[in-house]
Amino acid sequence: EGKPADNKWYSLHVTNSGITVQEENELVGKGNFAVIEALEGRLGKKI
């Protein structure tokens, strides 16, 4: 819910401990295939 007042982009990371909100810059403007490839590189193939 809600909406940021600024023009920043964010991501959500869901784990067994909860959800964290993080600012995202690298993948803004990218297509979905690039997003998946990058996140598998960051977080592992099972993400």
PDB file of all heavy atoms in Angstrom:
ATOM      1  N   GLU A   1       0.835  -1.199   0.000  1.00  0.00           N
ATOM      2  CA  GLU A   1       0.000   0.000   0.000  1.00  0.00           C
ATOM      3  C   GLU A   1       0.871   1.250   0.000  1.00  0.00           C
ATOM      4  O   GLU A   1       2.090   1.192   0.137  1.00  0.00           O
ATOM      5  CB  GLU A   1      -0.923  -0.008   1.221  1.00  0.00           C
ATOM      6  CG  GLU A   1      -0.188  -0.056   2.552  1.00  0.00           C
ATOM      7  CD  GLU A   1      -1.109  -0.336   3.736  1.00  0.00           C
ATOM      8  OE1 GLU A   1      -2.230  -0.832   3.520  1.00  0.00           O
ATOM      9  OE2 GLU A   1      -0.691  -0.063   4.874  1.00  0.00           O
ATOM     10  N   GLY A   2       0.200   2.393  -0.192  1.00  0.00           N
ATOM     11  CA  GLY A   2       0.925   3.656  -0.198  1.00  0.00           C
ATOM     12  C   GLY A   2       1.715   3.873  -1.471  1.00  0.00           C
ATOM     13  O   GLY A   2       1.596   3.137  -2.453  1.00  0.00           O
ATOM     14  N   LYS A   3       2.567   4.907  -1.439  1.00  0.00           N
ATOM     15  CA  LYS A   3       3.325   5.294  -2.618  1.00  0.00           C
ATOM     16  C   LYS A   3       4.466   6.201  -2.175  1.00  0.00           C
ATOM     17  O   LYS A   3       4.244   7.147  -1.407  1.00  0.00           O
ATOM     18  CB  LYS A   3       2.399   6.019  -3.598  1.00  0.00           C
ATOM     19  CG  LYS A   3       2.990   6.347  -4.938  1.00  0.00           C
ATOM     20  CD  LYS A   3       1.899   6.944  -5.846  1.00  0.00           C
ATOM     21  CE  LYS A   3       2.458   7.239  -7.230  1.00  0.00           C
ATOM     22  NZ  LYS A   3       1.398   7.749  -8.132  1.00  0.00           N
ATOM     23  N   PRO A   4       5.697   5.960  -2.638  1.00  0.00           N
ATOM     24  CA  PRO A   4       6.806   6.811  -2.211  1.00  0.00           C
ATOM     25  C   PRO A   4       6.613   8.263  -2.674  1.00  0.00           C
ATOM     26  O   PRO A   4       6.083   8.520  -3.762  1.00  0.00           O
ATOM     27  CB  PRO A   4       8.028   6.187  -2.898  1.00  0.00           C
ATOM     28  CG  PRO A   4       7.623   4.796  -3.237  1.00  0.00           C
ATOM     29  CD  PRO A   4       6.147   4.861  -3.504  1.00  0.00           C
ATOM     30  N   ALA A   5       7.060   9.169  -1.849  1.00  0.00           N
ATOM     31  CA  ALA A   5       6.970  10.587  -2.217  1.00  0.00           C
ATOM     32  C   ALA A   5       8.077  10.973  -3.186  1.00  0.00           C
ATOM     33  O   ALA A   5       7.944  11.952  -3.936  1.00  0.00           O
ATOM     34  CB  ALA A   5       7.049  11.449  -0.959  1.00  0.00           C
ATOM     35  N   ASP A   6       9.170  10.205  -3.185  1.00  0.00           N
ATOM     36  CA  ASP A   6      10.280  10.523  -4.081  1.00  0.00           C
ATOM     37  C   ASP A   6      10.183   9.690  -5.356  1.00  0.00           C
ATOM     38  O   ASP A   6       9.235   8.932  -5.553  1.00  0.00           O
ATOM     39  CB  ASP A   6      11.616  10.276  -3.379  1.00  0.00           C
ATOM     40  CG  ASP A   6      11.724   8.853  -2.827  1.00  0.00           C
ATOM     41  OD1 ASP A   6      11.185   7.929  -3.460  1.00  0.00           O
ATOM     42  OD2 ASP A   6      12.341   8.665  -1.760  1.00  0.00           O
ATOM     43  N   ASN A   7      11.150   9.832  -6.235  1.00  0.00           N
ATOM     44  CA  ASN A   7      11.162   9.092  -7.494  1.00  0.00           C
ATOM     45  C   ASN A   7      12.090   7.884  -7.456  1.00  0.00           C
ATOM     46  O   ASN A   7      12.459   7.356  -8.500  1.00  0.00           O
ATOM     47  CB  ASN A   7      11.581  10.026  -8.647  1.00  0.00           C
ATOM     48  CG  ASN A   7      10.487  11.021  -8.995  1.00  0.00           C
ATOM     49  OD1 ASN A   7       9.301  10.672  -8.976  1.00  0.00           O
ATOM     50  ND2 ASN A   7      10.871  12.250  -9.288  1.00  0.00           N
ATOM     51  N   LYS A   8      12.458   7.463  -6.264  1.00  0.00           N
ATOM     52  CA  LYS A   8      13.339   6.305  -6.148  1.00  0.00           C
ATOM     53  C   LYS A   8      12.583   5.006  -6.453  1.00  0.00           C
ATOM     54  O   LYS A   8      11.367   4.936  -6.286  1.00  0.00           O
ATOM     55  CB  LYS A   8      13.935   6.240  -4.742  1.00  0.00           C
ATOM     56  CG  LYS A   8      14.856   7.397  -4.393  1.00  0.00           C
ATOM     57  CD  LYS A   8      15.349   7.266  -2.958  1.00  0.00           C
ATOM     58  CE  LYS A   8      16.256   8.441  -2.589  1.00  0.00           C
ATOM     59  NZ  LYS A   8      16.699   8.352  -1.168  1.00  0.00           N
ATOM     60  N   TRP A   9      13.350   4.011  -6.882  1.00  0.00           N
ATOM     61  CA  TRP A   9      12.800   2.675  -7.097  1.00  0.00           C
ATOM     62  C   TRP A   9      13.252   1.766  -5.971  1.00  0.00           C
ATOM     63  O   TRP A   9      14.319   1.961  -5.384  1.00  0.00           O
ATOM     64  CB  TRP A   9      13.240   2.105  -8.444  1.00  0.00           C
ATOM     65  CG  TRP A   9      12.454   2.677  -9.588  1.00  0.00           C
ATOM     66  CD1 TRP A   9      12.785   3.761 -10.341  1.00  0.00           C
ATOM     67  CD2 TRP A   9      11.202   2.206 -10.085  1.00  0.00           C
ATOM     68  NE1 TRP A   9      11.812   3.996 -11.280  1.00  0.00           N
ATOM     69  CE2 TRP A   9      10.832   3.055 -11.146  1.00  0.00           C
ATOM     70  CE3 TRP A   9      10.359   1.150  -9.746  1.00  0.00           C
ATOM     71  CZ2 TRP A   9       9.648   2.874 -11.872  1.00  0.00           C
ATOM     72  CZ3 TRP A   9       9.178   0.966 -10.465  1.00  0.00           C
ATOM     73  CH2 TRP A   9       8.836   1.828 -11.506  1.00  0.00           C
ATOM     74  N   TYR A  10      12.434   0.750  -5.691  1.00  0.00           N
ATOM     75  CA  TYR A  10      12.694  -0.138  -4.575  1.00  0.00           C
ATOM     76  C   TYR A  10      12.481  -1.594  -4.984  1.00  0.00           C
ATOM     77  O   TYR A  10      11.915  -1.896  -6.029  1.00  0.00           O
ATOM     78  CB  TYR A  10      11.770   0.205  -3.399  1.00  0.00           C
ATOM     79  CG  TYR A  10      11.984   1.596  -2.851  1.00  0.00           C
ATOM     80  CD1 TYR A  10      11.301   2.690  -3.389  1.00  0.00           C
ATOM     81  CD2 TYR A  10      12.879   1.831  -1.813  1.00  0.00           C
ATOM     82  CE1 TYR A  10      11.500   3.971  -2.903  1.00  0.00           C
ATOM     83  CE2 TYR A  10      13.085   3.108  -1.310  1.00  0.00           C
ATOM     84  CZ  TYR A  10      12.392   4.173  -1.868  1.00  0.00           C
ATOM     85  OH  TYR A  10      12.597   5.434  -1.379  1.00  0.00           O
ATOM     86  N   SER A  11      12.946  -2.477  -4.105  1.00  0.00           N
ATOM     87  CA  SER A  11      12.651  -3.900  -4.233  1.00  0.00           C
ATOM     88  C   SER A  11      12.229  -4.425  -2.870  1.00  0.00           C
ATOM     89  O   SER A  11      12.524  -3.814  -1.831  1.00  0.00           O
ATOM     90  CB  SER A  11      13.871  -4.671  -4.736  1.00  0.00           C
ATOM     91  OG  SER A  11      14.914  -4.642  -3.771  1.00  0.00           O
ATOM     92  N   LEU A  12      11.524  -5.544  -2.873  1.00  0.00           N
ATOM     93  CA  LEU A  12      11.177  -6.239  -1.638  1.00  0.00           C
ATOM     94  C   LEU A  12      11.912  -7.569  -1.625  1.00  0.00           C
ATOM     95  O   LEU A  12      11.973  -8.262  -2.652  1.00  0.00           O
ATOM     96  CB  LEU A  12       9.665  -6.496  -1.539  1.00  0.00           C
ATOM     97  CG  LEU A  12       8.713  -5.319  -1.723  1.00  0.00           C
ATOM     98  CD1 LEU A  12       7.278  -5.769  -1.503  1.00  0.00           C
ATOM     99  CD2 LEU A  12       9.069  -4.169  -0.802  1.00  0.00           C
ATOM    100  N   HIS A  13      12.453  -7.937  -0.480  1.00  0.00           N
ATOM    101  CA  HIS A  13      13.118  -9.234  -0.336  1.00  0.00           C
ATOM    102  C   HIS A  13      12.400 -10.004   0.768  1.00  0.00           C
ATOM    103  O   HIS A  13      12.332  -9.556   1.916  1.00  0.00           O
ATOM    104  CB  HIS A  13      14.593  -9.061   0.008  1.00  0.00           C
ATOM    105  CG  HIS A  13      15.350 -10.347   0.035  1.00  0.00           C
ATOM    106  ND1 HIS A  13      15.320 -11.263  -1.000  1.00  0.00           N
ATOM    107  CD2 HIS A  13      16.170 -10.889   0.989  1.00  0.00           C
ATOM    108  CE1 HIS A  13      16.084 -12.300  -0.697  1.00  0.00           C
ATOM    109  NE2 HIS A  13      16.611 -12.101   0.507  1.00  0.00           N
ATOM    110  N   VAL A  14      11.841 -11.159   0.399  1.00  0.00           N
ATOM    111  CA  VAL A  14      11.031 -11.964   1.307  1.00  0.00           C
ATOM    112  C   VAL A  14      11.854 -13.164   1.761  1.00  0.00           C
ATOM    113  O   VAL A  14      12.369 -13.928   0.935  1.00  0.00           O
ATOM    114  CB  VAL A  14       9.742 -12.450   0.604  1.00  0.00           C
ATOM    115  CG1 VAL A  14       8.847 -13.191   1.595  1.00  0.00           C
ATOM    116  CG2 VAL A  14       8.993 -11.287  -0.039  1.00  0.00           C
ATOM    117  N   THR A  15      11.961 -13.343   3.073  1.00  0.00           N
ATOM    118  CA  THR A  15      12.666 -14.492   3.640  1.00  0.00           C
ATOM    119  C   THR A  15      11.852 -15.037   4.812  1.00  0.00           C
ATOM    120  O   THR A  15      10.794 -14.492   5.174  1.00  0.00           O
ATOM    121  CB  THR A  15      14.069 -14.111   4.156  1.00  0.00           C
ATOM    122  OG1 THR A  15      13.927 -13.271   5.313  1.00  0.00           O
ATOM    123  CG2 THR A  15      14.873 -13.380   3.094  1.00  0.00           C
ATOM    124  N   ASN A  16      12.379 -16.072   5.436  1.00  0.00           N
ATOM    125  CA  ASN A  16      11.722 -16.644   6.608  1.00  0.00           C
ATOM    126  C   ASN A  16      11.714 -15.668   7.781  1.00  0.00           C
ATOM    127  O   ASN A  16      10.947 -15.829   8.724  1.00  0.00           O
ATOM    128  CB  ASN A  16      12.423 -17.950   7.004  1.00  0.00           C
ATOM    129  CG  ASN A  16      11.590 -18.790   7.946  1.00  0.00           C
ATOM    130  OD1 ASN A  16      10.370 -18.793   7.886  1.00  0.00           O
ATOM    131  ND2 ASN A  16      12.259 -19.507   8.844  1.00  0.00           N
ATOM    132  N   SER A  17      12.557 -14.646   7.725  1.00  0.00           N
ATOM    133  CA  SER A  17      12.623 -13.655   8.815  1.00  0.00           C
ATOM    134  C   SER A  17      11.690 -12.473   8.608  1.00  0.00           C
ATOM    135  O   SER A  17      11.478 -11.682   9.535  1.00  0.00           O
ATOM    136  CB  SER A  17      14.065 -13.146   8.963  1.00  0.00           C
ATOM    137  OG  SER A  17      14.948 -14.205   9.241  1.00  0.00           O
ATOM    138  N   GLY A  18      11.158 -12.319   7.393  1.00  0.00           N
ATOM    139  CA  GLY A  18      10.280 -11.185   7.124  1.00  0.00           C
ATOM    140  C   GLY A  18      10.523 -10.593   5.750  1.00  0.00           C
ATOM    141  O   GLY A  18      11.081 -11.247   4.860  1.00  0.00           O
ATOM    142  N   ILE A  19      10.104  -9.344   5.562  1.00  0.00           N
ATOM    143  CA  ILE A  19      10.258  -8.644   4.287  1.00  0.00           C
ATOM    144  C   ILE A  19      11.048  -7.365   4.528  1.00  0.00           C
ATOM    145  O   ILE A  19      10.730  -6.588   5.428  1.00  0.00           O
ATOM    146  CB  ILE A  19       8.895  -8.303   3.661  1.00  0.00           C
ATOM    147  CG1 ILE A  19       8.103  -9.585   3.349  1.00  0.00           C
ATOM    148  CG2 ILE A  19       9.075  -7.484   2.375  1.00  0.00           C
ATOM    149  CD1 ILE A  19       6.730  -9.334   2.751  1.00  0.00           C
ATOM    150  N   THR A  20      12.070  -7.166   3.722  1.00  0.00           N
ATOM    151  CA  THR A  20      12.837  -5.931   3.786  1.00  0.00           C
ATOM    152  C   THR A  20      12.615  -5.132   2.509  1.00  0.00           C
ATOM    153  O   THR A  20      12.459  -5.700   1.423  1.00  0.00           O
ATOM    154  CB  THR A  20      14.340  -6.204   3.962  1.00  0.00           C
ATOM    155  OG1 THR A  20      14.786  -7.084   2.912  1.00  0.00           O
ATOM    156  CG2 THR A  20      14.610  -6.854   5.300  1.00  0.00           C
ATOM    157  N   VAL A  21      12.573  -3.810   2.656  1.00  0.00           N
ATOM    158  CA  VAL A  21      12.426  -2.896   1.530  1.00  0.00           C
ATOM    159  C   VAL A  21      13.790  -2.270   1.265  1.00  0.00           C
ATOM    160  O   VAL A  21      14.422  -1.718   2.175  1.00  0.00           O
ATOM    161  CB  VAL A  21      11.396  -1.787   1.834  1.00  0.00           C
ATOM    162  CG1 VAL A  21      11.199  -0.883   0.619  1.00  0.00           C
ATOM    163  CG2 VAL A  21      10.066  -2.396   2.276  1.00  0.00           C
ATOM    164  N   GLN A  22      14.248  -2.371   0.019  1.00  0.00           N
ATOM    165  CA  GLN A  22      15.585  -1.878  -0.317  1.00  0.00           C
ATOM    166  C   GLN A  22      15.510  -0.987  -1.547  1.00  0.00           C
ATOM    167  O   GLN A  22      14.734  -1.248  -2.468  1.00  0.00           O
ATOM    168  CB  GLN A  22      16.520  -3.066  -0.601  1.00  0.00           C
ATOM    169  CG  GLN A  22      16.666  -4.026   0.570  1.00  0.00           C
ATOM    170  CD  GLN A  22      17.322  -5.346   0.188  1.00  0.00           C
ATOM    171  OE1 GLN A  22      17.149  -5.831  -0.913  1.00  0.00           O
ATOM    172  NE2 GLN A  22      18.079  -5.923   1.120  1.00  0.00           N
ATOM    173  N   GLU A  23      16.315   0.052  -1.557  1.00  0.00           N
ATOM    174  CA  GLU A  23      16.390   0.894  -2.744  1.00  0.00           C
ATOM    175  C   GLU A  23      17.048   0.100  -3.880  1.00  0.00           C
ATOM    176  O   GLU A  23      17.987  -0.658  -3.659  1.00  0.00           O
ATOM    177  CB  GLU A  23      17.184   2.161  -2.451  1.00  0.00           C
ATOM    178  CG  GLU A  23      17.140   3.179  -3.586  1.00  0.00           C
ATOM    179  CD  GLU A  23      17.865   4.477  -3.261  1.00  0.00           C
ATOM    180  OE1 GLU A  23      18.115   4.736  -2.055  1.00  0.00           O
ATOM    181  OE2 GLU A  23      18.190   5.224  -4.211  1.00  0.00           O
ATOM    182  N   GLU A  24      16.554   0.286  -5.109  1.00  0.00           N
ATOM    183  CA  GLU A  24      17.072  -0.457  -6.262  1.00  0.00           C
ATOM    184  C   GLU A  24      17.431   0.514  -7.372  1.00  0.00           C
ATOM    185  O   GLU A  24      16.597   1.339  -7.775  1.00  0.00           O
ATOM    186  CB  GLU A  24      16.029  -1.459  -6.767  1.00  0.00           C
ATOM    187  CG  GLU A  24      16.422  -2.215  -8.026  1.00  0.00           C
ATOM    188  CD  GLU A  24      17.698  -3.034  -7.854  1.00  0.00           C
ATOM    189  OE1 GLU A  24      17.893  -3.645  -6.758  1.00  0.00           O
ATOM    190  OE2 GLU A  24      18.515  -3.050  -8.798  1.00  0.00           O
ATOM    191  N   ASN A  25      18.643   0.418  -7.852  1.00  0.00           N
ATOM    192  CA  ASN A  25      19.092   1.271  -8.958  1.00  0.00           C
ATOM    193  C   ASN A  25      19.547   0.469 -10.172  1.00  0.00           C
ATOM    194  O   ASN A  25      19.260   0.830 -11.307  1.00  0.00           O
ATOM    195  CB  ASN A  25      20.246   2.175  -8.489  1.00  0.00           C
ATOM    196  CG  ASN A  25      19.810   3.169  -7.422  1.00  0.00           C
ATOM    197  OD1 ASN A  25      18.839   3.893  -7.623  1.00  0.00           O
ATOM    198  ND2 ASN A  25      20.503   3.192  -6.293  1.00  0.00           N
ATOM    199  N   GLU A  26      20.227  -0.632  -9.933  1.00  0.00           N
ATOM    200  CA  GLU A  26      20.887  -1.368 -11.006  1.00  0.00           C
ATOM    201  C   GLU A  26      19.911  -1.889 -12.062  1.00  0.00           C
ATOM    202  O   GLU A  26      20.210  -1.845 -13.260  1.00  0.00           O
ATOM    203  CB  GLU A  26      21.673  -2.541 -10.416  1.00  0.00           C
ATOM    204  CG  GLU A  26      22.344  -3.424 -11.467  1.00  0.00           C
ATOM    205  CD  GLU A  26      22.870  -4.725 -10.891  1.00  0.00           C
ATOM    206  OE1 GLU A  26      22.955  -4.846  -9.648  1.00  0.00           O
ATOM    207  OE2 GLU A  26      23.186  -5.626 -11.674  1.00  0.00           O
ATOM    208  N   LEU A  27      18.752  -2.381 -11.647  1.00  0.00           N
ATOM    209  CA  LEU A  27      17.877  -3.101 -12.576  1.00  0.00           C
ATOM    210  C   LEU A  27      16.724  -2.264 -13.111  1.00  0.00           C
ATOM    211  O   LEU A  27      15.924  -2.760 -13.904  1.00  0.00           O
ATOM    212  CB  LEU A  27      17.351  -4.366 -11.894  1.00  0.00           C
ATOM    213  CG  LEU A  27      18.450  -5.378 -11.528  1.00  0.00           C
ATOM    214  CD1 LEU A  27      17.876  -6.566 -10.789  1.00  0.00           C
ATOM    215  CD2 LEU A  27      19.209  -5.828 -12.768  1.00  0.00           C
ATOM    216  N   VAL A  28      16.633  -1.024 -12.704  1.00  0.00           N
ATOM    217  CA  VAL A  28      15.598  -0.135 -13.246  1.00  0.00           C
ATOM    218  C   VAL A  28      15.873   0.095 -14.732  1.00  0.00           C
ATOM    219  O   VAL A  28      17.013   0.332 -15.144  1.00  0.00           O
ATOM    220  CB  VAL A  28      15.574   1.201 -12.487  1.00  0.00           C
ATOM    221  CG1 VAL A  28      14.553   2.154 -13.099  1.00  0.00           C
ATOM    222  CG2 VAL A  28      15.268   0.952 -11.013  1.00  0.00           C
ATOM    223  N   GLY A  29      14.830  -0.020 -15.541  1.00  0.00           N
ATOM    224  CA  GLY A  29      14.977   0.123 -16.982  1.00  0.00           C
ATOM    225  C   GLY A  29      15.302  -1.172 -17.700  1.00  0.00           C
ATOM    226  O   GLY A  29      15.338  -1.201 -18.931  1.00  0.00           O
ATOM    227  N   LYS A  30      15.529  -2.251 -16.941  1.00  0.00           N
ATOM    228  CA  LYS A  30      15.861  -3.540 -17.535  1.00  0.00           C
ATOM    229  C   LYS A  30      14.607  -4.367 -17.792  1.00  0.00           C
ATOM    230  O   LYS A  30      13.585  -4.196 -17.134  1.00  0.00           O
ATOM    231  CB  LYS A  30      16.790  -4.332 -16.605  1.00  0.00           C
ATOM    232  CG  LYS A  30      18.085  -3.636 -16.240  1.00  0.00           C
ATOM    233  CD  LYS A  30      19.027  -3.542 -17.433  1.00  0.00           C
ATOM    234  CE  LYS A  30      20.395  -3.013 -16.988  1.00  0.00           C
ATOM    235  NZ  LYS A  30      21.325  -2.858 -18.121  1.00  0.00           N
ATOM    236  N   GLY A  31      14.739  -5.303 -18.750  1.00  0.00           N
ATOM    237  CA  GLY A  31      13.667  -6.235 -19.018  1.00  0.00           C
ATOM    238  C   GLY A  31      13.635  -7.358 -17.996  1.00  0.00           C
ATOM    239  O   GLY A  31      14.567  -7.555 -17.198  1.00  0.00           O
ATOM    240  N   ASN A  32      12.558  -8.146 -18.030  1.00  0.00           N
ATOM    241  CA  ASN A  32      12.368  -9.190 -17.030  1.00  0.00           C
ATOM    242  C   ASN A  32      13.439 -10.272 -17.074  1.00  0.00           C
ATOM    243  O   ASN A  32      13.851 -10.795 -16.038  1.00  0.00           O
ATOM    244  CB  ASN A  32      10.982  -9.822 -17.206  1.00  0.00           C
ATOM    245  CG  ASN A  32       9.876  -8.908 -16.733  1.00  0.00           C
ATOM    246  OD1 ASN A  32       9.878  -8.439 -15.597  1.00  0.00           O
ATOM    247  ND2 ASN A  32       8.919  -8.631 -17.611  1.00  0.00           N
ATOM    248  N   PHE A  33      13.904 -10.628 -18.270  1.00  0.00           N
ATOM    249  CA  PHE A  33      14.921 -11.668 -18.353  1.00  0.00           C
ATOM    250  C   PHE A  33      16.220 -11.216 -17.679  1.00  0.00           C
ATOM    251  O   PHE A  33      16.877 -11.993 -16.976  1.00  0.00           O
ATOM    252  CB  PHE A  33      15.192 -12.053 -19.814  1.00  0.00           C
ATOM    253  CG  PHE A  33      14.046 -12.775 -20.471  1.00  0.00           C
ATOM    254  CD1 PHE A  33      13.426 -12.240 -21.599  1.00  0.00           C
ATOM    255  CD2 PHE A  33      13.592 -13.985 -19.979  1.00  0.00           C
ATOM    256  CE1 PHE A  33      12.377 -12.903 -22.205  1.00  0.00           C
ATOM    257  CE2 PHE A  33      12.531 -14.660 -20.591  1.00  0.00           C
ATOM    258  CZ  PHE A  33      11.925 -14.108 -21.706  1.00  0.00           C
ATOM    259  N   ALA A  34      16.582  -9.963 -17.873  1.00  0.00           N
ATOM    260  CA  ALA A  34      17.789  -9.437 -17.235  1.00  0.00           C
ATOM    261  C   ALA A  34      17.625  -9.369 -15.727  1.00  0.00           C
ATOM    262  O   ALA A  34      18.594  -9.599 -14.978  1.00  0.00           O
ATOM    263  CB  ALA A  34      18.121  -8.051 -17.804  1.00  0.00           C
ATOM    264  N   VAL A  35      16.431  -9.051 -15.262  1.00  0.00           N
ATOM    265  CA  VAL A  35      16.182  -9.005 -13.824  1.00  0.00           C
ATOM    266  C   VAL A  35      16.384 -10.384 -13.204  1.00  0.00           C
ATOM    267  O   VAL A  35      17.069 -10.538 -12.180  1.00  0.00           O
ATOM    268  CB  VAL A  35      14.759  -8.478 -13.529  1.00  0.00           C
ATOM    269  CG1 VAL A  35      14.406  -8.653 -12.052  1.00  0.00           C
ATOM    270  CG2 VAL A  35      14.633  -7.009 -13.925  1.00  0.00           C
ATOM    271  N   ILE A  36      15.799 -11.400 -13.831  1.00  0.00           N
ATOM    272  CA  ILE A  36      15.932 -12.762 -13.302  1.00  0.00           C
ATOM    273  C   ILE A  36      17.391 -13.199 -13.297  1.00  0.00           C
ATOM    274  O   ILE A  36      17.895 -13.740 -12.305  1.00  0.00           O
ATOM    275  CB  ILE A  36      15.062 -13.740 -14.114  1.00  0.00           C
ATOM    276  CG1 ILE A  36      13.576 -13.464 -13.848  1.00  0.00           C
ATOM    277  CG2 ILE A  36      15.406 -15.188 -13.783  1.00  0.00           C
ATOM    278  CD1 ILE A  36      12.624 -14.230 -14.744  1.00  0.00           C
ATOM    279  N   GLU A  37      18.098 -12.952 -14.393  1.00  0.00           N
ATOM    280  CA  GLU A  37      19.501 -13.350 -14.481  1.00  0.00           C
ATOM    281  C   GLU A  37      20.331 -12.658 -13.395  1.00  0.00           C
ATOM    282  O   GLU A  37      21.168 -13.290 -12.730  1.00  0.00           O
ATOM    283  CB  GLU A  37      20.046 -13.019 -15.864  1.00  0.00           C
ATOM    284  CG  GLU A  37      21.500 -13.434 -16.061  1.00  0.00           C
ATOM    285  CD  GLU A  37      22.028 -13.110 -17.455  1.00  0.00           C
ATOM    286  OE1 GLU A  37      21.319 -12.426 -18.226  1.00  0.00           O
ATOM    287  OE2 GLU A  37      23.153 -13.539 -17.762  1.00  0.00           O
ATOM    288  N   ALA A  38      20.091 -11.365 -13.205  1.00  0.00           N
ATOM    289  CA  ALA A  38      20.863 -10.621 -12.205  1.00  0.00           C
ATOM    290  C   ALA A  38      20.568 -11.101 -10.788  1.00  0.00           C
ATOM    291  O   ALA A  38      21.485 -11.239  -9.966  1.00  0.00           O
ATOM    292  CB  ALA A  38      20.566  -9.128 -12.333  1.00  0.00           C
ATOM    293  N   LEU A  39      19.297 -11.364 -10.501  1.00  0.00           N
ATOM    294  CA  LEU A  39      18.938 -11.792  -9.148  1.00  0.00           C
ATOM    295  C   LEU A  39      19.438 -13.195  -8.854  1.00  0.00           C
ATOM    296  O   LEU A  39      19.817 -13.497  -7.708  1.00  0.00           O
ATOM    297  CB  LEU A  39      17.422 -11.703  -8.954  1.00  0.00           C
ATOM    298  CG  LEU A  39      16.869 -10.276  -8.921  1.00  0.00           C
ATOM    299  CD1 LEU A  39      15.363 -10.277  -8.750  1.00  0.00           C
ATOM    300  CD2 LEU A  39      17.524  -9.461  -7.800  1.00  0.00           C
ATOM    301  N   GLU A  40      19.464 -14.053  -9.848  1.00  0.00           N
ATOM    302  CA  GLU A  40      20.053 -15.373  -9.633  1.00  0.00           C
ATOM    303  C   GLU A  40      21.550 -15.245  -9.357  1.00  0.00           C
ATOM    304  O   GLU A  40      22.106 -16.021  -8.565  1.00  0.00           O
ATOM    305  CB  GLU A  40      19.782 -16.272 -10.831  1.00  0.00           C
ATOM    306  CG  GLU A  40      18.324 -16.721 -10.923  1.00  0.00           C
ATOM    307  CD  GLU A  40      18.066 -17.722 -12.029  1.00  0.00           C
ATOM    308  OE1 GLU A  40      18.911 -17.834 -12.959  1.00  0.00           O
ATOM    309  OE2 GLU A  40      17.012 -18.387 -11.975  1.00  0.00           O
ATOM    310  N   GLY A  41      22.187 -14.271 -10.002  1.00  0.00           N
ATOM    311  CA  GLY A  41      23.598 -14.018  -9.711  1.00  0.00           C
ATOM    312  C   GLY A  41      23.811 -13.480  -8.308  1.00  0.00           C
ATOM    313  O   GLY A  41      24.770 -13.849  -7.618  1.00  0.00           O
ATOM    314  N   ARG A  42      22.904 -12.617  -7.848  1.00  0.00           N
ATOM    315  CA  ARG A  42      23.024 -12.043  -6.506  1.00  0.00           C
ATOM    316  C   ARG A  42      22.652 -13.035  -5.412  1.00  0.00           C
ATOM    317  O   ARG A  42      23.308 -13.111  -4.366  1.00  0.00           O
ATOM    318  CB  ARG A  42      22.076 -10.835  -6.361  1.00  0.00           C
ATOM    319  CG  ARG A  42      22.427  -9.574  -7.077  1.00  0.00           C
ATOM    320  CD  ARG A  42      21.398  -8.513  -6.654  1.00  0.00           C
ATOM    321  NE  ARG A  42      21.350  -7.382  -7.569  1.00  0.00           N
ATOM    322  CZ  ARG A  42      20.482  -6.372  -7.461  1.00  0.00           C
ATOM    323  NH1 ARG A  42      19.609  -6.379  -6.449  1.00  0.00           N
ATOM    324  NH2 ARG A  42      20.479  -5.381  -8.330  1.00  0.00           N
ATOM    325  N   LEU A  43      21.551 -13.765  -5.648  1.00  0.00           N
ATOM    326  CA  LEU A  43      20.905 -14.491  -4.554  1.00  0.00           C
ATOM    327  C   LEU A  43      20.827 -15.997  -4.744  1.00  0.00           C
ATOM    328  O   LEU A  43      20.350 -16.699  -3.852  1.00  0.00           O
ATOM    329  CB  LEU A  43      19.477 -13.935  -4.365  1.00  0.00           C
ATOM    330  CG  LEU A  43      19.390 -12.436  -4.079  1.00  0.00           C
ATOM    331  CD1 LEU A  43      17.954 -11.941  -4.189  1.00  0.00           C
ATOM    332  CD2 LEU A  43      19.941 -12.130  -2.690  1.00  0.00           C
ATOM    333  N   GLY A  44      21.275 -16.496  -5.901  1.00  0.00           N
ATOM    334  CA  GLY A  44      21.255 -17.935  -6.135  1.00  0.00           C
ATOM    335  C   GLY A  44      20.143 -18.368  -7.076  1.00  0.00           C
ATOM    336  O   GLY A  44      19.129 -17.681  -7.231  1.00  0.00           O
ATOM    337  N   LYS A  45      20.330 -19.538  -7.679  1.00  0.00           N
ATOM    338  CA  LYS A  45      19.413 -20.017  -8.714  1.00  0.00           C
ATOM    339  C   LYS A  45      18.015 -20.318  -8.180  1.00  0.00           C
ATOM    340  O   LYS A  45      17.039 -20.298  -8.927  1.00  0.00           O
ATOM    341  CB  LYS A  45      19.981 -21.286  -9.361  1.00  0.00           C
ATOM    342  CG  LYS A  45      21.223 -21.059 -10.207  1.00  0.00           C
ATOM    343  CD  LYS A  45      20.889 -20.393 -11.533  1.00  0.00           C
ATOM    344  CE  LYS A  45      20.175 -21.344 -12.476  1.00  0.00           C
ATOM    345  NZ  LYS A  45      19.947 -20.734 -13.805  1.00  0.00           N
ATOM    346  N   LYS A  46      17.904 -20.606  -6.876  1.00  0.00           N
ATOM    347  CA  LYS A  46      16.608 -21.011  -6.334  1.00  0.00           C
ATOM    348  C   LYS A  46      15.714 -19.830  -5.974  1.00  0.00           C
ATOM    349  O   LYS A  46      14.567 -20.020  -5.572  1.00  0.00           O
ATOM    350  CB  LYS A  46      16.817 -21.895  -5.105  1.00  0.00           C
ATOM    351  CG  LYS A  46      17.453 -23.241  -5.413  1.00  0.00           C
ATOM    352  CD  LYS A  46      17.572 -24.092  -4.157  1.00  0.00           C
ATOM    353  CE  LYS A  46      18.185 -25.450  -4.470  1.00  0.00           C
ATOM    354  NZ  LYS A  46      18.302 -26.289  -3.241  1.00  0.00           N
ATOM    355  N   ILE A  47      16.216 -18.626  -6.125  1.00  0.00           N
ATOM    356  CA  ILE A  47      15.450 -17.453  -5.705  1.00  0.00           C
ATOM    357  C   ILE A  47      14.177 -17.304  -6.535  1.00  0.00           C
ATOM    358  O   ILE A  47      14.166 -17.508  -7.748  1.00  0.00           O
ATOM    359  CB  ILE A  47      16.317 -16.168  -5.810  1.00  0.00           C
ATOM    360  CG1 ILE A  47      15.693 -15.035  -4.998  1.00  0.00           C
ATOM    361  CG2 ILE A  47      16.536 -15.752  -7.255  1.00  0.00           C
ATOM    362  CD1 ILE A  47      15.840 -15.234  -3.513  1.00  0.00           C
TER     363      ILE A  47
END
